[in-house]
């Protein structure tokens, strides 16, 4: 199976490193790295050569920029993917895998298109890019899984707070 990981951040942090939130370790765990108590629970591991990170941009630290190479994961930046989704499809073809998992972390999206994530760094993946890319993958390969992560509907929360404070029945 190939894994296309759409995210502004690599999610390749290890438990002994500074940041301890699991959501920054998710891809590392899928690659078999990290807390053995968690990694051993997984039914399988994905070879790093079969994982592609798409959409890194914005506030990625220098350490985050180096992580994919250390893990053996290739990267297509948000700018490159927005210019040409074929780079991602060509990568999947080179893996010679027919089944593809897609992970969509909403922080990879350009906030001018949709602001629904914990972070909202500019110059992310365009909605049209993400939509086209997933459709293109599904047209050529077997899309066996799609996850959507980190939705934070800020405006909906604000509206709820406003309406909750009104004398409405």
Protein backbone atom coordinates (compact mmCIF):
# COMPACT_ATOMS: atom_id res chain seq x y z
CA UNK A 1 0.00 0.00 0.00
CA UNK A 2 1.10 3.56 -0.66
CA UNK A 3 0.30 6.40 1.74
CA UNK A 4 -0.23 10.00 0.62
CA UNK A 5 -0.04 12.19 3.75
CA UNK A 6 -1.50 15.68 3.11
CA UNK A 7 -0.26 17.85 5.97
CA UNK A 8 1.44 21.15 6.71
CA UNK A 9 3.73 19.30 9.15
CA UNK A 10 5.56 16.00 8.82
CA UNK A 11 4.06 14.27 11.92
CA UNK A 12 7.38 12.45 12.30
CA UNK A 13 8.19 13.44 15.89
CA UNK A 14 9.43 10.72 18.25
CA UNK A 15 8.44 10.38 21.94
CA UNK A 16 11.87 11.42 23.30
CA UNK A 17 11.85 14.72 21.35
CA UNK A 18 10.70 18.11 22.62
CA UNK A 19 7.12 18.03 21.40
CA UNK A 20 5.11 15.28 23.08
CA UNK A 21 1.67 15.60 21.44
CA UNK A 22 0.78 12.34 19.70
CA UNK A 23 -0.77 14.07 16.69
CA UNK A 24 2.80 15.11 15.74
CA UNK A 25 3.87 11.44 15.92
CA UNK A 26 1.13 9.80 13.86
CA UNK A 27 3.06 9.23 10.63
CA UNK A 28 6.14 8.07 12.54
CA UNK A 29 3.99 5.44 14.28
CA UNK A 30 2.60 4.22 10.95
CA UNK A 31 6.18 3.81 9.76
CA UNK A 32 6.92 1.66 12.82
CA UNK A 33 8.85 4.30 14.77
CA UNK A 34 7.99 5.62 18.20
CA UNK A 35 6.49 4.27 21.40
CA UNK A 36 6.67 0.44 21.15
CA UNK A 37 3.53 0.16 23.29
CA UNK A 38 1.59 1.90 20.54
CA UNK A 39 3.51 0.80 17.45
CA UNK A 40 3.18 -2.87 18.45
CA UNK A 41 -0.62 -2.51 18.52
CA UNK A 42 -0.75 -1.60 14.84
CA UNK A 43 -1.67 -4.43 12.46
CA UNK A 44 1.15 -3.48 10.10
CA UNK A 45 3.74 -0.89 9.24
CA UNK A 46 4.23 1.18 6.11
CA UNK A 47 7.64 1.23 4.51
CA UNK A 48 8.91 4.85 4.42
CA UNK A 49 9.56 4.49 0.69
CA UNK A 50 5.79 4.04 0.29
CA UNK A 51 4.84 7.23 2.17
CA UNK A 52 4.69 10.66 0.55
CA UNK A 53 4.24 13.89 2.50
CA UNK A 54 2.35 16.50 0.49
CA UNK A 55 1.67 20.08 1.53
CA UNK A 56 4.37 21.15 3.97
CA UNK A 57 4.44 24.94 4.12
CA UNK A 58 4.27 27.94 6.39
CA UNK A 59 5.61 27.62 9.89
CA UNK A 60 7.41 24.31 9.47
CA UNK A 61 10.53 24.51 11.63
CA UNK A 62 13.99 23.71 10.30
CA UNK A 63 13.82 20.48 12.29
CA UNK A 64 10.47 19.58 10.66
CA UNK A 65 11.94 20.25 7.22
CA UNK A 66 14.76 17.75 7.93
CA UNK A 67 12.57 15.00 9.44
CA UNK A 68 11.19 13.44 6.22
CA UNK A 69 14.67 12.86 4.81
CA UNK A 70 15.82 11.26 8.09
CA UNK A 71 12.85 8.88 7.91
CA UNK A 72 13.23 8.21 4.18
CA UNK A 73 9.93 9.90 3.29
CA UNK A 74 9.71 11.97 0.11
CA UNK A 75 8.04 15.39 0.07
CA UNK A 76 6.00 17.41 -2.41
CA UNK A 77 5.54 20.96 -1.13
CA UNK A 78 2.19 22.75 -1.16
CA UNK A 79 3.46 25.08 -3.90
CA UNK A 80 4.61 22.17 -6.09
CA UNK A 81 1.36 20.24 -5.62
CA UNK A 82 -0.72 23.35 -6.37
CA UNK A 83 1.26 23.76 -9.60
CA UNK A 84 1.05 20.13 -10.69
CA UNK A 85 -0.72 17.19 -9.04
CA UNK A 86 1.01 14.87 -11.51
CA UNK A 87 4.12 14.87 -9.28
CA UNK A 88 2.10 13.02 -6.65
CA UNK A 89 0.57 10.58 -9.14
CA UNK A 90 3.98 9.87 -10.66
CA UNK A 91 5.32 9.10 -7.18
CA UNK A 92 2.47 6.65 -6.52
CA UNK A 93 3.12 4.97 -9.87
CA UNK A 94 6.81 4.57 -8.99
CA UNK A 95 5.89 2.71 -5.78
CA UNK A 96 4.18 0.08 -7.98
CA UNK A 97 1.41 -0.12 -5.36
CA UNK A 98 -2.23 -0.35 -6.46
CA UNK A 99 -3.82 0.47 -3.10
CA UNK A 100 -3.53 3.98 -1.67
CA UNK A 101 -4.36 5.47 1.70
CA UNK A 102 -4.86 9.25 1.86
CA UNK A 103 -4.57 11.23 5.09
CA UNK A 104 -5.89 14.80 4.95
CA UNK A 105 -4.85 17.00 7.85
CA UNK A 106 -6.87 20.18 7.42
CA UNK A 107 -3.90 22.36 8.40
CA UNK A 108 -2.43 21.72 4.95
CA UNK A 109 -5.19 23.82 3.38
CA UNK A 110 -4.71 27.41 2.40
CA UNK A 111 -6.74 29.43 4.95
CA UNK A 112 -7.98 31.70 2.15
CA UNK A 113 -9.89 28.65 0.86
CA UNK A 114 -10.95 27.06 4.14
CA UNK A 115 -9.99 27.85 7.73
CA UNK A 116 -10.93 24.73 9.69
CA UNK A 117 -7.74 23.57 11.38
CA UNK A 118 -5.73 24.18 14.54
CA UNK A 119 -3.19 26.19 12.54
CA UNK A 120 -3.80 28.36 9.51
CA UNK A 121 -0.56 29.16 7.77
CA UNK A 122 -0.85 30.89 4.38
CA UNK A 123 0.20 29.34 1.06
CA UNK A 124 -1.18 25.89 1.75
CA UNK A 125 -2.83 23.43 -0.58
CA UNK A 126 -5.76 24.87 -2.49
CA UNK A 127 -9.14 23.15 -2.07
CA UNK A 128 -9.21 22.50 -5.80
CA UNK A 129 -5.78 20.82 -5.61
CA UNK A 130 -6.84 18.50 -2.79
CA UNK A 131 -10.13 17.64 -4.48
CA UNK A 132 -8.48 16.98 -7.83
CA UNK A 133 -5.66 14.98 -6.28
CA UNK A 134 -7.94 12.63 -4.35
CA UNK A 135 -10.19 12.14 -7.39
CA UNK A 136 -7.13 11.47 -9.60
CA UNK A 137 -5.77 8.92 -7.12
CA UNK A 138 -9.16 7.18 -6.92
CA UNK A 139 -9.47 7.09 -10.72
CA UNK A 140 -6.14 5.32 -11.22
CA UNK A 141 -5.63 3.37 -7.98
CA UNK A 142 -7.76 1.69 -5.36
CA UNK A 143 -8.43 4.29 -2.66
CA UNK A 144 -8.65 2.05 0.41
CA UNK A 145 -8.79 4.71 3.11
CA UNK A 146 -9.29 8.43 3.63
CA UNK A 147 -8.82 10.15 6.97
CA UNK A 148 -9.64 13.77 7.75
CA UNK A 149 -7.81 15.13 10.79
CA UNK A 150 -7.75 18.15 13.07
CA UNK A 151 -11.00 19.89 12.20
CA UNK A 152 -11.49 22.95 14.40
CA UNK A 153 -14.53 24.95 13.24
CA UNK A 154 -13.60 28.19 14.99
CA UNK A 155 -16.35 30.27 13.44
CA UNK A 156 -19.00 27.69 14.32
CA UNK A 157 -17.74 27.67 17.93
CA UNK A 158 -17.89 31.48 18.05
CA UNK A 159 -21.42 31.50 16.64
CA UNK A 160 -22.53 28.89 19.16
CA UNK A 161 -21.08 30.98 21.98
CA UNK A 162 -22.91 34.06 20.66
CA UNK A 163 -26.23 32.27 20.29
CA UNK A 164 -25.84 30.52 23.65
CA UNK A 165 -25.68 33.91 25.36
CA UNK A 166 -28.88 35.18 23.76
CA UNK A 167 -32.35 34.90 25.35
CA UNK A 168 -33.61 32.40 22.76
CA UNK A 169 -36.03 29.56 23.38
